[in-house]
Amino acid sequence: MQLRPLEKRDLPYIYKQENARRVMALWFEEPYTSFDELEILYDKHVLDQAERRFVIDVNDEFAGVVELVYIDNLHRNTEIQIIVEENFKGRD
């Protein structure tokens, strides 16, 4: 398993997660996003210093995402969000 930066090629997996009601219920957000909207958000935030997104990669398979949001370098804190794909939960 490794963490790598989120890339544009990962957007179909993110799209699937963001349109899953069970996943988005944890984020208190409406679960339906268009793919075009997702691409715009990616382009907007890819260089944002206050947010970082990483893919959990297991043998070249998308296993989930780790997000660091509201990064505050001065006070050295951040919010961590983790989503693990169902078929990777409970593995060693």
C-alpha atoms as a PDB file:
ATOM      1  CA  MET A   1       0.000   0.000   0.000  1.00  0.00           C
ATOM      2  CA  GLN A   2       1.189   3.492  -0.749  1.00  0.00           C
ATOM      3  CA  LEU A   3      -0.157   7.028  -0.721  1.00  0.00           C
ATOM      4  CA  ARG A   4       0.298   9.104  -3.836  1.00  0.00           C
ATOM      5  CA  PRO A   5      -1.025  12.506  -4.884  1.00  0.00           C
ATOM      6  CA  LEU A   6      -4.495  12.551  -6.420  1.00  0.00           C
ATOM      7  CA  GLU A   7      -4.297  12.834 -10.204  1.00  0.00           C
ATOM      8  CA  LYS A   8      -6.880  13.675 -12.828  1.00  0.00           C
ATOM      9  CA  ARG A   9      -6.979   9.999 -13.870  1.00  0.00           C
ATOM     10  CA  ASP A  10      -8.419   9.210 -10.405  1.00  0.00           C
ATOM     11  CA  LEU A  11     -11.512  11.372 -10.895  1.00  0.00           C
ATOM     12  CA  PRO A  12     -13.786   8.492 -12.028  1.00  0.00           C
ATOM     13  CA  TYR A  13     -13.177   6.806  -8.651  1.00  0.00           C
ATOM     14  CA  ILE A  14     -13.800  10.052  -6.761  1.00  0.00           C
ATOM     15  CA  TYR A  15     -16.959  10.561  -8.821  1.00  0.00           C
ATOM     16  CA  LYS A  16     -18.175   7.122  -7.738  1.00  0.00           C
ATOM     17  CA  GLN A  17     -17.501   7.944  -4.079  1.00  0.00           C
ATOM     18  CA  GLU A  18     -19.142  11.360  -4.242  1.00  0.00           C
ATOM     19  CA  ASN A  19     -22.285   9.858  -5.704  1.00  0.00           C
ATOM     20  CA  ALA A  20     -22.602   7.144  -3.056  1.00  0.00           C
ATOM     21  CA  ARG A  21     -25.172   8.215  -0.470  1.00  0.00           C
ATOM     22  CA  ARG A  22     -23.640   5.935   2.188  1.00  0.00           C
ATOM     23  CA  VAL A  23     -20.226   7.587   1.775  1.00  0.00           C
ATOM     24  CA  MET A  24     -21.395  11.194   1.540  1.00  0.00           C
ATOM     25  CA  ALA A  25     -23.690  10.870   4.559  1.00  0.00           C
ATOM     26  CA  LEU A  26     -20.498  10.986   6.641  1.00  0.00           C
ATOM     27  CA  TRP A  27     -19.637  14.375   5.120  1.00  0.00           C
ATOM     28  CA  PHE A  28     -23.135  15.844   5.633  1.00  0.00           C
ATOM     29  CA  GLU A  29     -23.279  16.759   1.963  1.00  0.00           C
ATOM     30  CA  GLU A  30     -25.683  16.008  -0.834  1.00  0.00           C
ATOM     31  CA  PRO A  31     -24.381  12.869  -2.570  1.00  0.00           C
ATOM     32  CA  TYR A  32     -24.825  13.892  -6.180  1.00  0.00           C
ATOM     33  CA  THR A  33     -22.102  15.674  -8.147  1.00  0.00           C
ATOM     34  CA  SER A  34     -21.718  15.887 -11.915  1.00  0.00           C
ATOM     35  CA  PHE A  35     -18.425  14.768 -13.441  1.00  0.00           C
ATOM     36  CA  ASP A  36     -17.970  18.212 -15.019  1.00  0.00           C
ATOM     37  CA  GLU A  37     -18.383  19.812 -11.594  1.00  0.00           C
ATOM     38  CA  LEU A  38     -15.796  17.418 -10.163  1.00  0.00           C
ATOM     39  CA  GLU A  39     -13.269  18.301 -12.892  1.00  0.00           C
ATOM     40  CA  ILE A  40     -13.757  22.012 -12.192  1.00  0.00           C
ATOM     41  CA  LEU A  41     -13.182  21.447  -8.462  1.00  0.00           C
ATOM     42  CA  TYR A  42     -10.053  19.401  -9.199  1.00  0.00           C
ATOM     43  CA  ASP A  43      -8.616  22.142 -11.425  1.00  0.00           C
ATOM     44  CA  LYS A  44      -9.472  24.776  -8.823  1.00  0.00           C
ATOM     45  CA  HIS A  45      -7.888  22.966  -5.859  1.00  0.00           C
ATOM     46  CA  VAL A  46      -4.956  21.076  -7.406  1.00  0.00           C
ATOM     47  CA  LEU A  47      -2.522  23.840  -6.403  1.00  0.00           C
ATOM     48  CA  ASP A  48      -4.374  24.970  -3.267  1.00  0.00           C
ATOM     49  CA  GLN A  49      -1.959  25.174  -0.322  1.00  0.00           C
ATOM     50  CA  ALA A  50      -4.785  24.765   2.215  1.00  0.00           C
ATOM     51  CA  GLU A  51      -5.814  21.311   0.932  1.00  0.00           C
ATOM     52  CA  ARG A  52      -4.001  18.122  -0.083  1.00  0.00           C
ATOM     53  CA  ARG A  53      -5.525  14.955  -1.508  1.00  0.00           C
ATOM     54  CA  PHE A  54      -3.910  11.536  -1.755  1.00  0.00           C
ATOM     55  CA  VAL A  55      -4.961   8.197  -3.208  1.00  0.00           C
ATOM     56  CA  ILE A  56      -4.566   4.970  -1.261  1.00  0.00           C
ATOM     57  CA  ASP A  57      -2.991   2.727  -3.894  1.00  0.00           C
ATOM     58  CA  VAL A  58      -2.803  -1.046  -3.375  1.00  0.00           C
ATOM     59  CA  ASN A  59      -0.991  -2.866  -6.189  1.00  0.00           C
ATOM     60  CA  ASP A  60      -2.068  -0.199  -8.702  1.00  0.00           C
ATOM     61  CA  GLU A  61      -5.705  -0.359  -7.555  1.00  0.00           C
ATOM     62  CA  PHE A  62      -7.626   2.619  -6.168  1.00  0.00           C
ATOM     63  CA  ALA A  63      -8.339   1.648  -2.552  1.00  0.00           C
ATOM     64  CA  GLY A  64      -9.478   5.008  -1.225  1.00  0.00           C
ATOM     65  CA  VAL A  65      -8.604   8.612  -0.603  1.00  0.00           C
ATOM     66  CA  VAL A  66      -6.995  10.610   2.194  1.00  0.00           C
ATOM     67  CA  GLU A  67      -7.651  14.346   2.316  1.00  0.00           C
ATOM     68  CA  LEU A  68      -5.968  16.998   4.414  1.00  0.00           C
ATOM     69  CA  VAL A  69      -8.229  20.057   4.465  1.00  0.00           C
ATOM     70  CA  TYR A  70      -8.157  23.371   6.299  1.00  0.00           C
ATOM     71  CA  ILE A  71      -4.378  23.087   6.577  1.00  0.00           C
ATOM     72  CA  ASP A  72      -3.139  25.738   8.986  1.00  0.00           C
ATOM     73  CA  ASN A  73       0.655  25.906   8.793  1.00  0.00           C
ATOM     74  CA  LEU A  74       0.899  28.619  11.434  1.00  0.00           C
ATOM     75  CA  HIS A  75      -0.932  26.612  14.111  1.00  0.00           C
ATOM     76  CA  ARG A  76       0.213  23.283  12.626  1.00  0.00           C
ATOM     77  CA  ASN A  77      -3.158  21.569  12.396  1.00  0.00           C
ATOM     78  CA  THR A  78      -5.470  20.155   9.743  1.00  0.00           C
ATOM     79  CA  GLU A  79      -8.624  18.094   9.300  1.00  0.00           C
ATOM     80  CA  ILE A  80      -8.057  14.555   8.004  1.00  0.00           C
ATOM     81  CA  GLN A  81     -10.699  12.791   5.923  1.00  0.00           C
ATOM     82  CA  ILE A  82     -10.316   9.142   4.911  1.00  0.00           C
ATOM     83  CA  ILE A  83     -12.554   7.077   2.625  1.00  0.00           C
ATOM     84  CA  VAL A  84     -11.690   3.410   2.030  1.00  0.00           C
ATOM     85  CA  GLU A  85     -13.376   1.511  -0.804  1.00  0.00           C
ATOM     86  CA  GLU A  86     -15.716  -1.251   0.433  1.00  0.00           C
ATOM     87  CA  ASN A  87     -13.717  -4.082  -1.160  1.00  0.00           C
ATOM     88  CA  PHE A  88     -10.573  -2.964   0.737  1.00  0.00           C
ATOM     89  CA  LYS A  89     -12.127  -2.675   4.195  1.00  0.00           C
ATOM     90  CA  GLY A  90     -11.087  -5.288   6.743  1.00  0.00           C
ATOM     91  CA  ARG A  91      -7.977  -6.389   4.850  1.00  0.00           C
ATOM     92  CA  ASP A  92      -4.598  -6.944   6.441  1.00  0.00           C
END
